[in-house]
Amino acid sequence: KRRGRFKGQGGILSAQQCNEIQKLIRDRCPDQLKLPFVLWTCGAVMELIKTRFHINIGISTVALYLKRWGFTPQKLAKRAAEALTKILINFNILYHAQRNQHGQHGGAAIG
């Protein structure tokens, strides 16, 4: 005989709140949400929940939510690497565009 709560019932966060947090983690970086973190860690998610919903959740509970949602450290690290790659690509594009605009192309003539 099963004991405890039924799956999806009685949690600290509602289903709507869970969906919102998951979407934010997937689509944004913590610094985009004005959080003092670079990557999504348990602490960053805990702070997001606190600022967004005014709910204090323990770090181990946040870890359980992240595990339940399918977020693992490997996926978070991969996402961070992808974000860094995008930043570097954009930087290179802007750098070279600015360099060409100012005529600093190593003495080569532009034809």
C-alpha atoms as a PDB file:
ATOM      1  CA  LYS A   1       0.000   0.000   0.000  1.00  0.00           C
ATOM      2  CA  ARG A   2       1.411   3.405  -1.025  1.00  0.00           C
ATOM      3  CA  ARG A   3       1.993   6.003   1.626  1.00  0.00           C
ATOM      4  CA  GLY A   4       2.343   9.761   1.508  1.00  0.00           C
ATOM      5  CA  ARG A   5       1.090  12.258  -1.031  1.00  0.00           C
ATOM      6  CA  PHE A   6      -0.183  11.441  -4.476  1.00  0.00           C
ATOM      7  CA  LYS A   7       2.135  12.356  -7.319  1.00  0.00           C
ATOM      8  CA  GLY A   8       1.839  16.065  -8.160  1.00  0.00           C
ATOM      9  CA  GLN A   9      -0.228  16.975  -5.109  1.00  0.00           C
ATOM     10  CA  GLY A  10       0.646  18.862  -1.971  1.00  0.00           C
ATOM     11  CA  GLY A  11       4.010  20.214  -3.117  1.00  0.00           C
ATOM     12  CA  ILE A  12       5.393  23.578  -2.082  1.00  0.00           C
ATOM     13  CA  LEU A  13       5.098  24.954  -5.624  1.00  0.00           C
ATOM     14  CA  SER A  14       1.949  24.739  -7.725  1.00  0.00           C
ATOM     15  CA  ALA A  15       2.040  23.170 -11.186  1.00  0.00           C
ATOM     16  CA  GLN A  16       1.836  26.639 -12.747  1.00  0.00           C
ATOM     17  CA  GLN A  17       4.762  27.885 -10.651  1.00  0.00           C
ATOM     18  CA  CYS A  18       6.809  24.804 -11.577  1.00  0.00           C
ATOM     19  CA  ASN A  19       6.149  25.382 -15.274  1.00  0.00           C
ATOM     20  CA  GLU A  20       7.152  29.033 -15.013  1.00  0.00           C
ATOM     21  CA  ILE A  21      10.407  28.225 -13.200  1.00  0.00           C
ATOM     22  CA  GLN A  22      11.283  25.496 -15.726  1.00  0.00           C
ATOM     23  CA  LYS A  23      10.676  27.866 -18.646  1.00  0.00           C
ATOM     24  CA  LEU A  24      12.846  30.557 -17.073  1.00  0.00           C
ATOM     25  CA  ILE A  25      15.666  28.070 -16.435  1.00  0.00           C
ATOM     26  CA  ARG A  26      15.461  26.803 -20.015  1.00  0.00           C
ATOM     27  CA  ASP A  27      15.211  30.197 -21.732  1.00  0.00           C
ATOM     28  CA  ARG A  28      17.218  32.602 -19.596  1.00  0.00           C
ATOM     29  CA  CYS A  29      20.448  32.915 -17.631  1.00  0.00           C
ATOM     30  CA  PRO A  30      20.317  34.020 -13.988  1.00  0.00           C
ATOM     31  CA  ASP A  31      22.010  37.339 -14.738  1.00  0.00           C
ATOM     32  CA  GLN A  32      19.271  38.133 -17.286  1.00  0.00           C
ATOM     33  CA  LEU A  33      16.797  37.886 -14.413  1.00  0.00           C
ATOM     34  CA  LYS A  34      18.936  40.218 -12.259  1.00  0.00           C
ATOM     35  CA  LEU A  35      20.117  37.370 -10.018  1.00  0.00           C
ATOM     36  CA  PRO A  36      23.711  37.454  -8.736  1.00  0.00           C
ATOM     37  CA  PHE A  37      24.655  34.169 -10.447  1.00  0.00           C
ATOM     38  CA  VAL A  38      26.244  33.245 -13.778  1.00  0.00           C
ATOM     39  CA  LEU A  39      24.950  29.675 -14.012  1.00  0.00           C
ATOM     40  CA  TRP A  40      21.812  27.899 -12.825  1.00  0.00           C
ATOM     41  CA  THR A  41      22.745  26.248  -9.553  1.00  0.00           C
ATOM     42  CA  CYS A  42      20.474  25.074  -6.753  1.00  0.00           C
ATOM     43  CA  GLY A  43      21.208  28.359  -4.989  1.00  0.00           C
ATOM     44  CA  ALA A  44      20.274  30.367  -8.076  1.00  0.00           C
ATOM     45  CA  VAL A  45      16.983  28.485  -8.476  1.00  0.00           C
ATOM     46  CA  MET A  46      16.274  28.885  -4.762  1.00  0.00           C
ATOM     47  CA  GLU A  47      16.799  32.660  -5.112  1.00  0.00           C
ATOM     48  CA  LEU A  48      14.596  32.766  -8.235  1.00  0.00           C
ATOM     49  CA  ILE A  49      11.740  31.049  -6.390  1.00  0.00           C
ATOM     50  CA  LYS A  50      12.190  33.393  -3.441  1.00  0.00           C
ATOM     51  CA  THR A  51      12.118  36.562  -5.555  1.00  0.00           C
ATOM     52  CA  ARG A  52       9.422  35.394  -7.969  1.00  0.00           C
ATOM     53  CA  PHE A  53       6.945  33.781  -5.563  1.00  0.00           C
ATOM     54  CA  HIS A  54       8.105  34.910  -2.080  1.00  0.00           C
ATOM     55  CA  ILE A  55       8.496  31.267  -1.062  1.00  0.00           C
ATOM     56  CA  ASN A  56      11.508  30.047   0.919  1.00  0.00           C
ATOM     57  CA  ILE A  57      12.539  26.542  -0.133  1.00  0.00           C
ATOM     58  CA  GLY A  58      15.493  24.596   1.198  1.00  0.00           C
ATOM     59  CA  ILE A  59      18.411  23.763  -1.061  1.00  0.00           C
ATOM     60  CA  SER A  60      17.713  20.013  -0.893  1.00  0.00           C
ATOM     61  CA  THR A  61      14.092  20.590  -1.934  1.00  0.00           C
ATOM     62  CA  VAL A  62      15.264  22.690  -4.887  1.00  0.00           C
ATOM     63  CA  ALA A  63      17.625  19.856  -5.861  1.00  0.00           C
ATOM     64  CA  LEU A  64      14.680  17.424  -5.777  1.00  0.00           C
ATOM     65  CA  TYR A  65      12.592  19.715  -7.987  1.00  0.00           C
ATOM     66  CA  LEU A  66      15.479  20.070 -10.477  1.00  0.00           C
ATOM     67  CA  LYS A  67      15.936  16.301 -10.569  1.00  0.00           C
ATOM     68  CA  ARG A  68      12.205  15.766 -11.073  1.00  0.00           C
ATOM     69  CA  TRP A  69      12.206  18.285 -13.939  1.00  0.00           C
ATOM     70  CA  GLY A  70      15.100  16.513 -15.632  1.00  0.00           C
ATOM     71  CA  PHE A  71      17.757  19.155 -15.019  1.00  0.00           C
ATOM     72  CA  THR A  72      21.088  17.561 -14.192  1.00  0.00           C
ATOM     73  CA  PRO A  73      24.468  19.209 -13.657  1.00  0.00           C
ATOM     74  CA  GLN A  74      25.627  17.927 -17.053  1.00  0.00           C
ATOM     75  CA  LYS A  75      22.706  19.569 -18.835  1.00  0.00           C
ATOM     76  CA  LEU A  76      23.233  22.796 -16.945  1.00  0.00           C
ATOM     77  CA  ALA A  77      26.947  22.767 -17.800  1.00  0.00           C
ATOM     78  CA  LYS A  78      26.157  22.080 -21.451  1.00  0.00           C
ATOM     79  CA  ARG A  79      23.649  24.925 -21.510  1.00  0.00           C
ATOM     80  CA  ALA A  80      26.218  27.251 -19.954  1.00  0.00           C
ATOM     81  CA  ALA A  81      28.790  26.249 -22.579  1.00  0.00           C
ATOM     82  CA  GLU A  82      26.263  26.921 -25.343  1.00  0.00           C
ATOM     83  CA  ALA A  83      25.473  30.338 -23.869  1.00  0.00           C
ATOM     84  CA  LEU A  84      29.183  31.175 -23.644  1.00  0.00           C
ATOM     85  CA  THR A  85      29.678  30.120 -27.265  1.00  0.00           C
ATOM     86  CA  LYS A  86      26.856  32.456 -28.364  1.00  0.00           C
ATOM     87  CA  ILE A  87      28.388  35.311 -26.381  1.00  0.00           C
ATOM     88  CA  LEU A  88      31.813  34.734 -27.956  1.00  0.00           C
ATOM     89  CA  ILE A  89      30.360  34.530 -31.477  1.00  0.00           C
ATOM     90  CA  ASN A  90      28.455  37.801 -30.956  1.00  0.00           C
ATOM     91  CA  PHE A  91      31.576  39.434 -29.519  1.00  0.00           C
ATOM     92  CA  ASN A  92      33.656  38.366 -32.543  1.00  0.00           C
ATOM     93  CA  ILE A  93      31.032  39.660 -34.973  1.00  0.00           C
ATOM     94  CA  LEU A  94      30.815  43.017 -33.197  1.00  0.00           C
ATOM     95  CA  TYR A  95      34.592  43.271 -32.811  1.00  0.00           C
ATOM     96  CA  HIS A  96      35.278  42.654 -36.490  1.00  0.00           C
ATOM     97  CA  ALA A  97      32.447  44.937 -37.613  1.00  0.00           C
ATOM     98  CA  GLN A  98      33.784  47.748 -35.440  1.00  0.00           C
ATOM     99  CA  ARG A  99      37.335  47.108 -36.604  1.00  0.00           C
ATOM    100  CA  ASN A 100      36.302  47.253 -40.278  1.00  0.00           C
ATOM    101  CA  GLN A 101      34.244  50.380 -39.644  1.00  0.00           C
ATOM    102  CA  HIS A 102      37.292  52.188 -38.254  1.00  0.00           C
ATOM    103  CA  GLY A 103      39.526  51.034 -41.105  1.00  0.00           C
ATOM    104  CA  GLN A 104      41.787  48.908 -38.957  1.00  0.00           C
ATOM    105  CA  HIS A 105      42.139  45.974 -41.288  1.00  0.00           C
ATOM    106  CA  GLY A 106      45.873  45.531 -41.283  1.00  0.00           C
ATOM    107  CA  GLY A 107      46.697  47.808 -44.240  1.00  0.00           C
ATOM    108  CA  ALA A 108      44.735  45.751 -46.779  1.00  0.00           C
ATOM    109  CA  ALA A 109      42.709  47.688 -49.289  1.00  0.00           C
ATOM    110  CA  ILE A 110      38.967  47.135 -49.358  1.00  0.00           C
ATOM    111  CA  GLY A 111      37.717  46.906 -52.904  1.00  0.00           C
END
